[in-house]
C-alpha cells in the first residue's frame, strides 16, 4: 500500500485534542547541511536515501504568523508582505501543508511569512519556511506535538525542514520504515562557540531548477550517484567525531568535500545540472587560495549558486578582509 502525506499526518494527529486560538506566530531557523541530503527513497513522503547533518543559523530564518478566517472562502498567503497568487506553486504547496492539519480543525487561514534570506536561491528558505509553518499550525490548533512529531510533519512539506525544527547541530535520521515514522531529526548535544558561518549571497534570484527536480534528475541519470550513500555515511561519522573533538580542520574539510561530491553527481546528470555561477567559482577559488596562505576557512554549497563559509573566530579578520560583503552568523552565540 502506498501511503500518502495525509495518511501520515492523520496517524500523528489522531490522538491530539485540539484547543485552537485565533492567531499564532512561530519562527524556525535556516539550516546549512554539512553532510547533504540528496536523493529520496520515497518521493511522496520525502524519505531520504542517506542521513544528513546540519547546523542552524541562529536568528536567520522564517517567521510565520497564522490567523484563522471564520468567514473566508479560501486561504490567503502572503510572502514578505506581498500577496501570493493562488495559482502559484508556492501558494499550492503552503495550502497542501495546511490541508494535512485541516481535517483536525477545519476552516481557512491567513498565512503571513517573512524570510530573512533569499527565497529559492539555495539558502534553505523552504526548510525554515515549512518548519515555521508546521510549528505555527501546531500552536494555532493547540495540538501539543513534540519536536520529533513536528520534525516528521515538517519533512512532508520540505525534506530539510525536519532539521529546522531545532537549533544547533542537527542530525536527520533517514529511517527504514515505509511510513517514515522513524525518519526525523534530532539535535546533537554539543555546541561550538568559536564556530562562525559566513553567507555569500551572490544572487537572490530563484534558481531555474528546483532542488526536488534536480535531486530526481541526479538519481535517475547520474552513474556517479551510486557512490553517494557511502560518501554520506562516511562523512556523517567524520563530522560527528569532529564536533565532539572540536576538530575544525576535520569539520571544514569534510563539509567541503561532501558539498563538492554532491555537486559532482549533479554535473554527471543528464542534462547536466550546474547551479554554480561564475561568481561561485571565483569565491571557491578565493577560499582555496586563503587556505594555501594559512587561513583556516572552508566552503559549502547547497543546490544553488550561493556559497557559505566555515571558519573560527580566530580567522574572522582574514576572512572578512577577503570577503568584505560577507554576512556573519554566530550559530552558538
Protein backbone atom coordinates (compact mmCIF):
# COMPACT_ATOMS: atom_id res chain seq x y z
CA UNK A 1 0.00 0.00 0.00
CA UNK A 2 1.36 3.42 -0.99
CA UNK A 3 0.88 5.85 1.87
CA UNK A 4 0.02 9.49 1.23
CA UNK A 5 1.11 12.50 3.24
CA UNK A 6 -2.44 12.74 4.58
CA UNK A 7 -2.17 9.16 5.87
CA UNK A 8 0.97 10.02 7.81
CA UNK A 9 -0.46 13.26 9.21
CA UNK A 10 -3.67 11.52 10.24
CA UNK A 11 -1.67 8.91 12.13
CA UNK A 12 0.31 11.58 14.00
CA UNK A 13 -2.69 13.79 14.78
CA UNK A 14 -5.14 11.04 15.71
CA UNK A 15 -4.56 11.35 19.46
CA UNK A 16 -4.44 15.16 19.56
CA UNK A 17 -7.09 17.10 21.42
CA UNK A 18 -7.20 20.48 19.61
CA UNK A 19 -7.52 23.70 21.58
CA UNK A 20 -7.46 26.38 18.85
CA UNK A 21 -6.56 30.03 19.28
CA UNK A 22 -7.28 32.93 16.92
CA UNK A 23 -3.70 33.63 15.84
CA UNK A 24 -0.22 32.20 16.40
CA UNK A 25 3.30 33.11 15.28
CA UNK A 26 6.37 30.87 15.06
CA UNK A 27 10.00 31.18 13.96
CA UNK A 28 12.29 28.50 12.55
CA UNK A 29 15.96 28.87 11.61
CA UNK A 30 17.63 28.23 8.29
CA UNK A 31 19.90 25.22 8.48
CA UNK A 32 23.06 24.64 6.47
CA UNK A 33 23.82 21.00 5.79
CA UNK A 34 27.40 19.91 6.46
CA UNK A 35 26.52 16.44 5.16
CA UNK A 36 23.91 16.91 2.46
CA UNK A 37 20.51 15.35 1.89
CA UNK A 38 20.48 14.35 -1.78
CA UNK A 39 18.16 11.66 -3.09
CA UNK A 40 14.91 10.10 -1.89
CA UNK A 41 13.86 6.53 -1.23
CA UNK A 42 10.24 7.74 -1.21
CA UNK A 43 9.46 10.98 -3.04
CA UNK A 44 5.88 11.30 -1.75
CA UNK A 45 6.90 11.24 1.91
CA UNK A 46 10.29 12.94 1.40
CA UNK A 47 12.19 9.98 2.84
CA UNK A 48 15.93 10.34 2.16
CA UNK A 49 18.49 7.89 0.85
CA UNK A 50 21.03 8.96 3.47
CA UNK A 51 21.32 10.56 6.89
CA UNK A 52 22.32 14.22 6.89
CA UNK A 53 23.78 16.66 9.42
CA UNK A 54 23.33 20.42 9.62
CA UNK A 55 23.94 23.48 11.73
CA UNK A 56 21.21 26.08 12.28
CA UNK A 57 21.84 29.75 11.58
CA UNK A 58 20.79 31.42 14.81
CA UNK A 59 18.40 34.31 14.17
CA UNK A 60 18.21 33.70 10.40
CA UNK A 61 15.14 32.02 9.02
CA UNK A 62 11.39 32.32 8.59
CA UNK A 63 8.69 33.84 10.77
CA UNK A 64 5.15 32.70 10.04
CA UNK A 65 2.00 34.21 11.52
CA UNK A 66 -1.29 32.37 11.12
CA UNK A 67 -4.73 33.85 11.65
CA UNK A 68 -8.00 31.92 11.45
CA UNK A 69 -10.52 33.35 8.98
CA UNK A 70 -14.00 32.17 10.06
CA UNK A 71 -15.90 33.62 7.09
CA UNK A 72 -13.35 33.31 4.29
CA UNK A 73 -13.75 31.23 1.15
CA UNK A 74 -10.11 30.21 0.94
CA UNK A 75 -6.64 30.58 2.40
CA UNK A 76 -4.77 33.87 1.99
CA UNK A 77 -1.00 33.59 1.61
CA UNK A 78 1.49 36.45 1.93
CA UNK A 79 5.26 36.22 1.44
CA UNK A 80 7.41 39.10 2.66
CA UNK A 81 4.37 41.36 2.75
CA UNK A 82 3.13 40.57 -0.78
CA UNK A 83 0.02 38.51 -1.58
CA UNK A 84 0.87 35.27 -3.35
CA UNK A 85 -1.24 34.29 -6.37
CA UNK A 86 -3.48 31.31 -5.66
CA UNK A 87 -2.32 29.61 -8.85
CA UNK A 88 1.37 29.75 -7.98
CA UNK A 89 3.40 26.72 -6.94
CA UNK A 90 4.29 28.38 -3.64
CA UNK A 91 0.64 29.00 -2.73
CA UNK A 92 -0.33 25.44 -3.64
CA UNK A 93 2.48 23.95 -1.51
CA UNK A 94 1.52 26.06 1.51
CA UNK A 95 -2.16 25.15 1.20
CA UNK A 96 -1.32 21.46 0.74
CA UNK A 97 0.64 21.57 4.01
CA UNK A 98 -2.22 23.27 5.82
CA UNK A 99 -4.55 20.59 4.47
CA UNK A 100 -2.59 17.97 6.43
CA UNK A 101 -3.92 19.64 9.59
CA UNK A 102 -7.30 20.82 8.31
CA UNK A 103 -9.10 17.56 8.97
CA UNK A 104 -8.35 18.13 12.66
CA UNK A 105 -9.55 21.75 12.74
CA UNK A 106 -11.49 22.91 9.64
CA UNK A 107 -11.50 26.46 8.33
CA UNK A 108 -9.33 28.77 6.25
CA UNK A 109 -6.26 30.76 7.31
CA UNK A 110 -4.30 33.88 6.57
CA UNK A 111 -0.62 32.92 6.26
CA UNK A 112 1.97 35.68 6.58
CA UNK A 113 5.56 34.52 6.14
CA UNK A 114 8.72 36.58 6.18
CA UNK A 115 12.09 35.14 5.15
CA UNK A 116 15.26 36.99 6.06
CA UNK A 117 17.25 35.05 3.46
CA UNK A 118 16.65 34.95 -0.31
CA UNK A 119 13.78 32.67 -1.31
CA UNK A 120 14.52 29.77 -3.68
CA UNK A 121 18.21 30.65 -4.14
CA UNK A 122 19.88 27.72 -2.40
CA UNK A 123 19.81 29.30 1.05
CA UNK A 124 17.37 26.80 2.58
CA UNK A 125 14.40 29.15 2.85
CA UNK A 126 11.98 26.29 2.15
CA UNK A 127 13.38 24.38 5.13
CA UNK A 128 12.88 27.24 7.57
CA UNK A 129 9.58 28.15 5.92
CA UNK A 130 7.93 24.75 6.31
CA UNK A 131 9.35 24.28 9.79
CA UNK A 132 7.91 27.64 10.85
CA UNK A 133 4.57 26.83 9.20
CA UNK A 134 4.45 23.46 10.97
CA UNK A 135 5.23 25.00 14.35
CA UNK A 136 2.64 27.73 13.76
CA UNK A 137 -0.07 25.22 12.77
CA UNK A 138 0.59 23.13 15.86
CA UNK A 139 0.42 26.27 18.02
CA UNK A 140 -2.65 27.71 16.31
CA UNK A 141 -4.60 24.49 16.76
CA UNK A 142 -3.23 23.74 20.25
CA UNK A 143 -2.03 20.27 19.23
CA UNK A 144 0.81 19.91 21.76
CA UNK A 145 3.01 17.94 19.39
CA UNK A 146 6.55 17.07 20.49
CA UNK A 147 9.60 18.03 18.44
CA UNK A 148 10.00 14.63 16.77
CA UNK A 149 6.39 14.72 15.62
CA UNK A 150 6.87 18.28 14.37
CA UNK A 151 10.01 17.15 12.55
CA UNK A 152 8.11 14.41 10.71
CA UNK A 153 5.30 16.79 9.73
CA UNK A 154 7.73 19.50 8.59
CA UNK A 155 9.55 16.89 6.47
CA UNK A 156 6.35 16.32 4.49
CA UNK A 157 6.49 19.94 3.31
CA UNK A 158 10.22 20.03 2.56
CA UNK A 159 12.69 17.32 3.48
CA UNK A 160 15.29 19.61 5.04
CA UNK A 161 12.58 21.32 7.10
CA UNK A 162 12.74 18.44 9.56
CA UNK A 163 16.16 19.78 10.66
CA UNK A 164 14.92 23.38 11.04
CA UNK A 165 12.74 22.40 13.99
CA UNK A 166 15.90 22.66 16.11
CA UNK A 167 18.81 24.98 16.79
CA UNK A 168 22.49 23.97 16.83
CA UNK A 169 23.88 20.83 15.24
CA UNK A 170 21.13 18.51 14.00
CA UNK A 171 21.18 15.00 12.50
CA UNK A 172 18.35 13.77 10.30
CA UNK A 173 17.98 10.01 10.68
CA UNK A 174 16.83 8.59 7.36
CA UNK A 175 14.91 5.72 8.92
CA UNK A 176 13.92 2.43 7.32
CA UNK A 177 10.16 2.22 7.84
CA UNK A 178 7.84 2.60 4.87
CA UNK A 179 5.61 5.10 6.70
CA UNK A 180 8.58 7.30 7.63
CA UNK A 181 7.76 7.38 11.33
CA UNK A 182 11.45 6.77 12.11
CA UNK A 183 12.67 9.45 9.69
CA UNK A 184 13.08 12.60 11.77
CA UNK A 185 15.77 14.95 13.04
CA UNK A 186 17.31 15.14 16.48
CA UNK A 187 19.67 17.78 17.88
CA UNK A 188 23.22 16.93 18.91
CA UNK A 189 24.14 17.97 22.47
CA UNK A 190 27.41 19.69 21.55
CA UNK A 191 27.88 23.41 20.95
CA UNK A 192 30.83 25.24 19.36
CA UNK A 193 31.03 28.88 20.48
CA UNK A 194 34.08 29.64 18.32
CA UNK A 195 32.40 28.45 15.10
CA UNK A 196 31.47 31.07 12.53
CA UNK A 197 29.48 30.84 9.30
CA UNK A 198 29.54 33.40 6.54
CA UNK A 199 26.85 33.82 3.90
CA UNK A 200 27.95 34.95 0.45
CA UNK A 201 24.66 35.77 -1.26
CA UNK A 202 25.92 36.08 -4.82
CA UNK A 203 22.40 36.22 -6.26
CA UNK A 204 18.95 36.48 -4.74
CA UNK A 205 17.25 35.17 -7.87
CA UNK A 206 15.27 31.94 -7.66
CA UNK A 207 17.06 29.01 -9.30
CA UNK A 208 15.69 27.70 -12.60
CA UNK A 209 15.77 24.06 -11.49
CA UNK A 210 14.32 23.43 -8.03
CA UNK A 211 16.00 21.09 -5.57
CA UNK A 212 13.26 18.47 -5.86
CA UNK A 213 13.55 18.30 -9.66
CA UNK A 214 17.35 18.44 -9.58
CA UNK A 215 17.55 15.69 -6.99
CA UNK A 216 15.35 13.34 -9.02
CA UNK A 217 17.28 14.05 -12.23
CA UNK A 218 20.52 13.16 -10.47
CA UNK A 219 19.15 9.91 -9.03
CA UNK A 220 17.67 8.89 -12.38
CA UNK A 221 20.60 9.67 -14.68
CA UNK A 222 23.95 10.01 -12.86
CA UNK A 223 26.01 6.82 -12.59
CA UNK A 224 28.21 8.70 -10.10
CA UNK A 225 25.24 8.84 -7.73
CA UNK A 226 25.84 5.18 -6.87
CA UNK A 227 28.75 6.21 -4.63
CA UNK A 228 26.84 8.97 -2.84
CA UNK A 229 25.22 6.97 0.02
CA UNK A 230 28.62 5.60 1.08
CA UNK A 231 30.15 9.08 0.88
CA UNK A 232 27.39 10.43 3.12
CA UNK A 233 27.72 7.55 5.61
CA UNK A 234 31.45 8.17 5.93
CA UNK A 235 31.08 11.94 6.18
CA UNK A 236 28.43 11.78 8.91
CA UNK A 237 30.80 9.74 11.09
CA UNK A 238 33.66 12.18 10.47
CA UNK A 239 31.53 15.22 11.19
CA UNK A 240 30.18 13.85 14.45
CA UNK A 241 33.73 12.98 15.53
CA UNK A 242 34.92 16.47 14.58
CA UNK A 243 32.10 18.08 16.58
CA UNK A 244 32.83 16.05 19.70
CA UNK A 245 36.59 16.71 19.44
CA UNK A 246 36.26 20.35 18.28
CA UNK A 247 38.48 19.45 15.32
CA UNK A 248 37.80 22.33 12.94
CA UNK A 249 40.06 21.11 10.14
CA UNK A 250 38.23 17.79 10.04
CA UNK A 251 34.83 19.52 10.22
CA UNK A 252 35.58 22.01 7.46
CA UNK A 253 37.35 19.65 5.08
CA UNK A 254 34.64 17.01 5.42
CA UNK A 255 31.84 19.53 4.85
CA UNK A 256 33.56 20.98 1.77
CA UNK A 257 34.32 17.59 0.24
CA UNK A 258 30.74 16.47 0.88
CA UNK A 259 29.39 19.53 -0.95
CA UNK A 260 31.77 19.06 -3.89
CA UNK A 261 30.81 15.38 -4.14
CA UNK A 262 27.11 16.26 -4.23
CA UNK A 263 27.67 18.82 -6.99
CA UNK A 264 29.76 16.27 -8.90
CA UNK A 265 26.75 13.95 -9.05
CA UNK A 266 24.70 16.85 -10.43
CA UNK A 267 27.26 17.54 -13.16
CA UNK A 268 27.19 13.83 -14.06
CA UNK A 269 23.40 14.00 -14.58
CA UNK A 270 21.78 14.34 -17.97
CA UNK A 271 21.11 17.00 -18.97
CA UNK A 272 23.98 18.28 -16.80
CA UNK A 273 22.85 20.19 -13.73
CA UNK A 274 25.07 23.12 -12.74
CA UNK A 275 23.87 25.56 -10.10
CA UNK A 276 27.17 27.43 -9.92
CA UNK A 277 27.62 30.87 -11.44
CA UNK A 278 30.98 32.48 -12.36
CA UNK A 279 30.87 34.31 -9.02
CA UNK A 280 30.51 30.96 -7.23
CA UNK A 281 33.72 29.67 -8.82
CA UNK A 282 35.56 32.90 -8.00
CA UNK A 283 34.51 32.61 -4.36
CA UNK A 284 35.65 28.98 -4.15
CA UNK A 285 39.00 29.78 -5.72
CA UNK A 286 39.48 32.60 -3.22
CA UNK A 287 38.73 30.18 -0.36
CA UNK A 288 41.28 27.69 -1.67
CA UNK A 289 43.90 30.42 -2.01
CA UNK A 290 43.23 31.56 1.55
CA UNK A 291 43.91 28.03 2.79
CA UNK A 292 47.16 27.92 0.84
CA UNK A 293 48.05 31.15 2.63
CA UNK A 294 47.38 29.54 6.00
CA UNK A 295 43.84 30.77 6.73
CA UNK A 296 41.56 28.02 8.02
CA UNK A 297 38.37 28.58 6.03
CA UNK A 298 36.20 26.10 4.13
CA UNK A 299 33.22 26.37 1.81
CA UNK A 300 29.95 24.54 1.37
CA UNK A 301 27.15 24.96 -1.18
CA UNK A 302 23.64 23.62 -1.42
CA UNK A 303 21.57 23.32 -4.60
CA UNK A 304 22.09 26.92 -5.69
CA UNK A 305 24.83 29.39 -6.61
CA UNK A 306 25.39 30.92 -3.19
CA UNK A 307 28.39 29.99 -1.04
CA UNK A 308 28.61 29.51 2.72
CA UNK A 309 31.92 29.76 4.55
CA UNK A 310 33.00 27.90 7.68
CA UNK A 311 35.71 29.33 9.91
CA UNK A 312 36.51 30.02 13.55
CA UNK A 313 36.64 33.32 15.41
CA UNK A 314 40.45 33.48 15.18
CA UNK A 315 40.26 33.57 11.36
CA UNK A 316 37.42 36.08 11.11
CA UNK A 317 39.63 39.09 10.33
CA UNK A 318 41.39 37.38 7.43
CA UNK A 319 38.11 36.04 6.04
CA UNK A 320 36.46 39.47 6.25
CA UNK A 321 39.43 41.07 4.50
CA UNK A 322 38.97 38.66 1.58
CA UNK A 323 35.15 38.82 1.60
CA UNK A 324 34.05 42.26 2.85
CA UNK A 325 30.48 41.55 1.69
CA UNK A 326 30.25 38.54 3.99
CA UNK A 327 27.21 38.23 6.28
CA UNK A 328 28.46 36.80 9.57
CA UNK A 329 26.49 34.23 11.56
CA UNK A 330 27.47 33.02 15.04
CA UNK A 331 25.37 29.85 15.40
CA UNK A 332 26.13 29.25 19.07
CA UNK A 333 26.06 32.85 20.27
